[in-house]
Amino acid sequence: MKHSKEERSLIIMKPDAIQRGLLGEVIRRFERKGLKIIGMKMVRISDVLLDDHYSHLKDKPFFASIKNYMKSAPVVLMVISGVNTVSATRLIVGPTKGYEADAGSIRGDFSLSTQANIVHASDSVESANDEVKRFFNKKELFDYTKPDAPFIYSDSYPDFKG
């Protein structure tokens, strides 16, 4: 059952995460925070989906480079959920430019790039909702209760069942 404060976020583990063998490390960071994985799959993203996902960058001179990079290897798509997921995820991931990201964040620990920065994470609840629908259908998302939710959320959200 979804709690009223529960959010979702789309995570894309980019080609550099796959090529560098960092999938387990990336997943581990979200799980250790207490976020729940409700969907995951490996895909090659089509031109149509890339055009849609990066539509805000379509007129930029580097757009073709982003598309080529994102098609250079498969990616792993993941949907995570929990209370305040989007803000928590942004902290875990760090700023877009890996060379500006704090040590301890995924990008701060594993990236020196803007493009090859290991992961994409939704930047707002609204964009997360759109992105999840773009990459996952309802049958690919799972609702379940995590037994450790009371220890993650404690008395902040006593009715949260995670």
Protein backbone atom coordinates (compact mmCIF):
# COMPACT_ATOMS: atom_id res chain seq x y z
CA MET A 1 0.00 0.00 0.00
CA LYS A 2 1.39 3.39 -0.99
CA HIS A 3 1.80 5.91 1.83
CA SER A 4 0.65 9.47 1.07
CA LYS A 5 4.21 10.81 1.43
CA GLU A 6 5.76 8.02 -0.64
CA GLU A 7 7.47 9.07 -3.87
CA ARG A 8 9.09 7.28 -6.78
CA SER A 9 12.24 8.09 -8.69
CA LEU A 10 13.62 6.74 -11.94
CA ILE A 11 17.27 5.76 -11.87
CA ILE A 12 19.15 5.03 -15.08
CA MET A 13 22.45 3.30 -14.56
CA LYS A 14 24.24 4.62 -17.62
CA PRO A 15 26.65 2.84 -20.00
CA ASP A 16 29.69 3.84 -17.92
CA ALA A 17 28.18 2.18 -14.82
CA ILE A 18 27.75 -1.04 -16.82
CA GLN A 19 31.17 -0.89 -18.47
CA ARG A 20 32.96 -0.15 -15.19
CA GLY A 21 31.17 -2.88 -13.22
CA LEU A 22 29.47 -0.47 -10.78
CA LEU A 23 25.88 -1.76 -10.88
CA GLY A 24 26.09 -3.54 -7.54
CA GLU A 25 27.70 -0.53 -5.86
CA VAL A 26 25.04 1.84 -7.21
CA ILE A 27 22.16 -0.42 -6.19
CA ARG A 28 23.73 -0.97 -2.76
CA ARG A 29 23.75 2.76 -2.03
CA PHE A 30 20.02 3.12 -2.60
CA GLU A 31 19.23 -0.02 -0.63
CA ARG A 32 21.45 0.99 2.30
CA LYS A 33 19.61 4.30 2.50
CA GLY A 34 16.40 2.30 2.95
CA LEU A 35 14.80 2.97 -0.42
CA LYS A 36 12.74 0.17 -1.96
CA ILE A 37 13.37 -1.12 -5.49
CA ILE A 38 9.99 -1.63 -7.13
CA GLY A 39 11.14 -2.20 -10.73
CA MET A 40 14.35 -3.02 -12.58
CA LYS A 41 15.38 -4.07 -16.09
CA MET A 42 18.28 -3.94 -18.54
CA VAL A 43 17.55 -2.38 -21.94
CA ARG A 44 19.04 -0.64 -24.92
CA ILE A 45 17.23 2.69 -25.11
CA SER A 46 15.73 3.48 -28.52
CA ASP A 47 16.16 6.76 -30.38
CA VAL A 48 12.48 7.53 -29.80
CA LEU A 49 12.78 7.13 -26.01
CA LEU A 50 16.04 9.10 -25.93
CA ASP A 51 14.47 11.93 -27.92
CA ASP A 52 11.55 11.98 -25.49
CA HIS A 53 13.64 11.66 -22.32
CA TYR A 54 16.15 14.32 -23.36
CA SER A 55 13.68 16.57 -25.23
CA HIS A 56 14.79 19.54 -23.11
CA LEU A 57 18.29 19.16 -24.64
CA LYS A 58 17.28 18.49 -28.26
CA ASP A 59 18.42 21.90 -29.51
CA LYS A 60 21.79 21.79 -27.73
CA PRO A 61 24.95 21.17 -29.76
CA PHE A 62 25.89 18.21 -27.52
CA PHE A 63 22.58 16.34 -27.96
CA ALA A 64 23.94 13.92 -30.59
CA SER A 65 26.84 13.11 -28.29
CA ILE A 66 24.46 12.27 -25.42
CA LYS A 67 22.40 10.00 -27.67
CA ASN A 68 25.48 8.20 -28.97
CA TYR A 69 26.80 7.74 -25.44
CA MET A 70 23.47 6.43 -24.11
CA LYS A 71 23.31 3.93 -27.01
CA SER A 72 26.92 2.75 -26.59
CA ALA A 73 25.93 -0.04 -24.17
CA PRO A 74 22.79 -1.27 -22.43
CA VAL A 75 21.53 0.60 -19.39
CA VAL A 76 19.79 -0.61 -16.25
CA LEU A 77 16.54 1.14 -15.42
CA MET A 78 15.34 1.09 -11.84
CA VAL A 79 12.38 2.58 -10.02
CA ILE A 80 12.84 3.19 -6.32
CA SER A 81 10.28 4.34 -3.79
CA GLY A 82 9.99 5.57 -0.24
CA VAL A 83 9.23 8.71 1.73
CA ASN A 84 11.02 11.77 0.28
CA THR A 85 12.65 9.55 -2.34
CA VAL A 86 13.46 12.30 -4.85
CA SER A 87 15.38 14.52 -2.42
CA ALA A 88 17.13 11.54 -0.81
CA THR A 89 18.11 10.22 -4.22
CA ARG A 90 19.52 13.56 -5.34
CA LEU A 91 21.81 13.55 -2.28
CA ILE A 92 22.95 9.99 -2.93
CA VAL A 93 23.65 10.72 -6.60
CA GLY A 94 25.27 14.16 -6.27
CA PRO A 95 25.32 17.04 -8.78
CA THR A 96 25.40 16.35 -12.53
CA LYS A 97 29.06 17.29 -12.96
CA GLY A 98 31.00 14.48 -11.34
CA TYR A 99 34.02 16.72 -10.73
CA GLU A 100 31.79 19.00 -8.59
CA ALA A 101 30.12 16.20 -6.61
CA ASP A 102 31.02 15.61 -2.96
CA ALA A 103 32.92 12.51 -1.96
CA GLY A 104 30.45 9.97 -0.66
CA SER A 105 27.93 10.58 -3.46
CA ILE A 106 27.82 8.19 -6.42
CA ARG A 107 29.09 10.82 -8.85
CA GLY A 108 31.59 12.19 -6.34
CA ASP A 109 33.11 8.76 -5.84
CA PHE A 110 32.99 7.45 -9.42
CA SER A 111 32.82 10.29 -11.95
CA LEU A 112 34.86 13.18 -13.27
CA SER A 113 32.50 13.85 -16.16
CA THR A 114 29.25 15.63 -16.96
CA GLN A 115 28.05 13.04 -19.46
CA ALA A 116 29.62 9.83 -18.14
CA ASN A 117 28.37 10.46 -14.63
CA ILE A 118 27.20 6.91 -13.77
CA VAL A 119 23.48 7.58 -13.19
CA HIS A 120 20.45 9.62 -14.07
CA ALA A 121 18.01 10.33 -11.24
CA SER A 122 14.68 12.15 -11.46
CA ASP A 123 15.01 15.78 -10.36
CA SER A 124 11.43 16.31 -9.11
CA VAL A 125 8.35 14.33 -8.16
CA GLU A 126 6.66 15.50 -11.36
CA SER A 127 9.51 14.46 -13.65
CA ALA A 128 9.82 11.17 -11.75
CA ASN A 129 6.17 10.36 -12.47
CA ASP A 130 6.65 11.14 -16.18
CA GLU A 131 9.95 9.23 -16.41
CA VAL A 132 8.63 6.12 -14.67
CA LYS A 133 5.69 6.03 -17.12
CA ARG A 134 8.08 6.53 -20.04
CA PHE A 135 10.22 3.50 -19.22
CA PHE A 136 7.97 1.12 -17.24
CA ASN A 137 4.47 -0.23 -17.62
CA LYS A 138 2.32 -1.02 -14.58
CA LYS A 139 3.02 -4.77 -14.80
CA GLU A 140 6.75 -4.10 -14.38
CA LEU A 141 6.32 -2.31 -11.03
CA PHE A 142 5.78 -4.21 -7.80
CA ASP A 143 4.06 -3.27 -4.56
CA TYR A 144 5.35 -5.05 -1.48
CA THR A 145 6.09 -4.39 2.16
CA LYS A 146 9.65 -4.23 3.44
CA PRO A 147 9.93 -5.65 6.94
CA ASP A 148 12.63 -3.12 7.88
CA ALA A 149 10.46 -0.04 7.09
CA PRO A 150 9.65 0.68 10.78
CA PHE A 151 13.38 0.80 11.50
CA ILE A 152 14.06 3.10 8.54
CA TYR A 153 11.24 5.58 9.14
CA SER A 154 10.82 5.07 12.90
CA ASP A 155 8.45 7.51 14.54
CA SER A 156 8.61 10.03 11.66
CA TYR A 157 5.93 8.09 9.75
CA PRO A 158 4.47 5.56 12.20
CA ASP A 159 1.85 4.33 9.73
CA PHE A 160 4.30 3.75 6.89
CA LYS A 161 4.45 0.08 5.89
CA GLY A 162 7.18 0.45 3.23
